[in-house]
């Protein structure tokens, strides 16, 4: 793979698998490109809730809005310029706040393959 640049316009945002809420994800790099990680964007509508047991290690960078993630041990809230790390196997509840959120994510390995 060569060095490349991506922006939000390069992501085809689709509803996150297995949920009916106003939550969308779009990969810009994934298994189709031959690298070991997936990189993409996520868009959360206002006051959305997603419950998930992490199938991959996931790092989320908040670009706009705020996201809170609750696990067995704690709740963290992040805003623009802050990261949230969610380790593989952790049961989490991801909540967007009243303004919704735009995020960028990196997962290892590829989340689509891990979800099977």
C-alpha atoms as a PDB file:
ATOM      1  CA  UNK A   1       0.000   0.000   0.000  1.00  0.00           C
ATOM      2  CA  UNK A   2       1.221   3.513  -0.752  1.00  0.00           C
ATOM      3  CA  UNK A   3       1.022   6.632   1.386  1.00  0.00           C
ATOM      4  CA  UNK A   4      -2.454   8.132   1.066  1.00  0.00           C
ATOM      5  CA  UNK A   5      -4.582  10.922   2.522  1.00  0.00           C
ATOM      6  CA  UNK A   6      -8.269  10.576   3.444  1.00  0.00           C
ATOM      7  CA  UNK A   7     -11.068  12.863   4.538  1.00  0.00           C
ATOM      8  CA  UNK A   8     -14.663  12.395   5.633  1.00  0.00           C
ATOM      9  CA  UNK A   9     -15.795  12.631   2.002  1.00  0.00           C
ATOM     10  CA  UNK A  10     -13.886   9.418   1.260  1.00  0.00           C
ATOM     11  CA  UNK A  11     -16.015   7.391   3.701  1.00  0.00           C
ATOM     12  CA  UNK A  12     -19.295   5.830   2.652  1.00  0.00           C
ATOM     13  CA  UNK A  13     -21.206   6.057   5.938  1.00  0.00           C
ATOM     14  CA  UNK A  14     -23.628   3.177   6.538  1.00  0.00           C
ATOM     15  CA  UNK A  15     -25.746   2.236   9.546  1.00  0.00           C
ATOM     16  CA  UNK A  16     -23.612   0.388  12.080  1.00  0.00           C
ATOM     17  CA  UNK A  17     -24.246  -3.377  11.860  1.00  0.00           C
ATOM     18  CA  UNK A  18     -26.817  -4.844  14.220  1.00  0.00           C
ATOM     19  CA  UNK A  19     -28.478  -1.604  15.334  1.00  0.00           C
ATOM     20  CA  UNK A  20     -31.353   0.589  14.218  1.00  0.00           C
ATOM     21  CA  UNK A  21     -30.270   3.909  15.712  1.00  0.00           C
ATOM     22  CA  UNK A  22     -28.871   7.026  14.086  1.00  0.00           C
ATOM     23  CA  UNK A  23     -25.281   5.695  14.160  1.00  0.00           C
ATOM     24  CA  UNK A  24     -23.186   5.306  11.009  1.00  0.00           C
ATOM     25  CA  UNK A  25     -19.687   4.034  10.207  1.00  0.00           C
ATOM     26  CA  UNK A  26     -17.573   4.224   7.071  1.00  0.00           C
ATOM     27  CA  UNK A  27     -14.173   2.633   6.537  1.00  0.00           C
ATOM     28  CA  UNK A  28     -11.536   4.361   4.428  1.00  0.00           C
ATOM     29  CA  UNK A  29      -8.877   1.646   4.990  1.00  0.00           C
ATOM     30  CA  UNK A  30      -9.694  -1.974   5.780  1.00  0.00           C
ATOM     31  CA  UNK A  31      -8.930  -5.568   4.807  1.00  0.00           C
ATOM     32  CA  UNK A  32      -9.493  -4.764   1.124  1.00  0.00           C
ATOM     33  CA  UNK A  33      -6.364  -2.574   1.176  1.00  0.00           C
ATOM     34  CA  UNK A  34      -3.992  -5.185   2.636  1.00  0.00           C
ATOM     35  CA  UNK A  35      -3.065  -3.440   5.878  1.00  0.00           C
ATOM     36  CA  UNK A  36      -3.520  -4.885   9.391  1.00  0.00           C
ATOM     37  CA  UNK A  37      -5.900  -2.163  10.700  1.00  0.00           C
ATOM     38  CA  UNK A  38      -9.215  -0.564   9.832  1.00  0.00           C
ATOM     39  CA  UNK A  39      -9.480   3.240   9.791  1.00  0.00           C
ATOM     40  CA  UNK A  40     -12.732   5.115   9.308  1.00  0.00           C
ATOM     41  CA  UNK A  41     -15.281   7.651  10.457  1.00  0.00           C
ATOM     42  CA  UNK A  42     -18.369   7.388  12.631  1.00  0.00           C
ATOM     43  CA  UNK A  43     -21.341   9.708  12.900  1.00  0.00           C
ATOM     44  CA  UNK A  44     -23.688   9.593  15.899  1.00  0.00           C
ATOM     45  CA  UNK A  45     -27.001  11.425  15.937  1.00  0.00           C
ATOM     46  CA  UNK A  46     -28.079  13.203  19.134  1.00  0.00           C
ATOM     47  CA  UNK A  47     -28.623  11.044  22.230  1.00  0.00           C
ATOM     48  CA  UNK A  48     -27.805   7.697  20.632  1.00  0.00           C
ATOM     49  CA  UNK A  49     -26.938   4.518  22.563  1.00  0.00           C
ATOM     50  CA  UNK A  50     -24.936   1.545  21.295  1.00  0.00           C
ATOM     51  CA  UNK A  51     -24.266  -1.533  23.454  1.00  0.00           C
ATOM     52  CA  UNK A  52     -21.382  -3.670  22.230  1.00  0.00           C
ATOM     53  CA  UNK A  53     -18.897  -6.261  23.390  1.00  0.00           C
ATOM     54  CA  UNK A  54     -15.741  -5.218  21.593  1.00  0.00           C
ATOM     55  CA  UNK A  55     -14.649  -7.818  19.030  1.00  0.00           C
ATOM     56  CA  UNK A  56     -11.477  -5.793  18.317  1.00  0.00           C
ATOM     57  CA  UNK A  57      -9.228  -3.234  19.982  1.00  0.00           C
ATOM     58  CA  UNK A  58     -10.807   0.112  19.054  1.00  0.00           C
ATOM     59  CA  UNK A  59      -9.448   3.653  19.369  1.00  0.00           C
ATOM     60  CA  UNK A  60     -11.978   6.435  18.779  1.00  0.00           C
ATOM     61  CA  UNK A  61     -10.923  10.057  18.212  1.00  0.00           C
ATOM     62  CA  UNK A  62     -13.704  12.557  18.842  1.00  0.00           C
ATOM     63  CA  UNK A  63     -13.733  15.193  16.087  1.00  0.00           C
ATOM     64  CA  UNK A  64     -17.026  16.964  16.948  1.00  0.00           C
ATOM     65  CA  UNK A  65     -19.506  16.670  19.812  1.00  0.00           C
ATOM     66  CA  UNK A  66     -19.110  14.430  22.867  1.00  0.00           C
ATOM     67  CA  UNK A  67     -19.129  10.669  23.455  1.00  0.00           C
ATOM     68  CA  UNK A  68     -19.388   8.800  26.764  1.00  0.00           C
ATOM     69  CA  UNK A  69     -18.362   5.157  27.077  1.00  0.00           C
ATOM     70  CA  UNK A  70     -19.376   3.092  30.094  1.00  0.00           C
ATOM     71  CA  UNK A  71     -17.721  -0.238  30.922  1.00  0.00           C
ATOM     72  CA  UNK A  72     -17.811  -2.489  33.973  1.00  0.00           C
ATOM     73  CA  UNK A  73     -15.202  -0.369  35.716  1.00  0.00           C
ATOM     74  CA  UNK A  74     -15.844   3.235  34.703  1.00  0.00           C
ATOM     75  CA  UNK A  75     -17.418   5.875  32.487  1.00  0.00           C
ATOM     76  CA  UNK A  76     -15.292   8.212  30.393  1.00  0.00           C
ATOM     77  CA  UNK A  77     -16.465  11.207  28.384  1.00  0.00           C
ATOM     78  CA  UNK A  78     -14.441  12.751  25.565  1.00  0.00           C
ATOM     79  CA  UNK A  79     -14.785  15.776  23.314  1.00  0.00           C
ATOM     80  CA  UNK A  80     -12.974  17.150  20.269  1.00  0.00           C
ATOM     81  CA  UNK A  81      -9.313  16.169  20.122  1.00  0.00           C
ATOM     82  CA  UNK A  82      -9.631  13.421  22.752  1.00  0.00           C
ATOM     83  CA  UNK A  83      -9.323   9.635  22.329  1.00  0.00           C
ATOM     84  CA  UNK A  84     -11.237   6.763  23.895  1.00  0.00           C
ATOM     85  CA  UNK A  85      -9.649   3.296  23.873  1.00  0.00           C
ATOM     86  CA  UNK A  86     -11.937   0.253  24.079  1.00  0.00           C
ATOM     87  CA  UNK A  87     -10.075  -3.072  24.436  1.00  0.00           C
ATOM     88  CA  UNK A  88     -11.144  -6.302  22.786  1.00  0.00           C
ATOM     89  CA  UNK A  89     -13.572  -8.271  24.971  1.00  0.00           C
ATOM     90  CA  UNK A  90     -14.819  -5.245  26.954  1.00  0.00           C
ATOM     91  CA  UNK A  91     -18.609  -4.807  27.175  1.00  0.00           C
ATOM     92  CA  UNK A  92     -19.354  -1.116  26.594  1.00  0.00           C
ATOM     93  CA  UNK A  93     -22.249   1.280  26.224  1.00  0.00           C
ATOM     94  CA  UNK A  94     -21.438   4.153  23.865  1.00  0.00           C
ATOM     95  CA  UNK A  95     -23.585   7.277  24.275  1.00  0.00           C
ATOM     96  CA  UNK A  96     -23.662  10.416  22.178  1.00  0.00           C
ATOM     97  CA  UNK A  97     -24.795  13.651  23.797  1.00  0.00           C
ATOM     98  CA  UNK A  98     -27.411  16.165  22.688  1.00  0.00           C
ATOM     99  CA  UNK A  99     -25.318  17.553  19.810  1.00  0.00           C
ATOM    100  CA  UNK A 100     -24.375  14.127  18.358  1.00  0.00           C
ATOM    101  CA  UNK A 101     -20.769  13.375  17.416  1.00  0.00           C
ATOM    102  CA  UNK A 102     -18.340  12.832  14.574  1.00  0.00           C
ATOM    103  CA  UNK A 103     -15.510  10.404  15.282  1.00  0.00           C
ATOM    104  CA  UNK A 104     -12.566   8.772  13.568  1.00  0.00           C
ATOM    105  CA  UNK A 105     -11.596   5.222  14.538  1.00  0.00           C
ATOM    106  CA  UNK A 106      -8.765   2.735  14.217  1.00  0.00           C
ATOM    107  CA  UNK A 107      -9.371  -0.956  14.945  1.00  0.00           C
ATOM    108  CA  UNK A 108      -7.122  -3.983  15.140  1.00  0.00           C
ATOM    109  CA  UNK A 109      -7.818  -6.404  13.669  1.00  0.00           C
ATOM    110  CA  UNK A 110     -10.447  -5.491  11.073  1.00  0.00           C
ATOM    111  CA  UNK A 111     -13.824  -5.085  12.813  1.00  0.00           C
ATOM    112  CA  UNK A 112     -15.835  -6.418   9.856  1.00  0.00           C
ATOM    113  CA  UNK A 113     -13.900  -9.698   9.863  1.00  0.00           C
ATOM    114  CA  UNK A 114     -14.044 -10.009  13.664  1.00  0.00           C
ATOM    115  CA  UNK A 115     -17.840  -9.608  13.672  1.00  0.00           C
ATOM    116  CA  UNK A 116     -17.995 -12.501  11.221  1.00  0.00           C
END
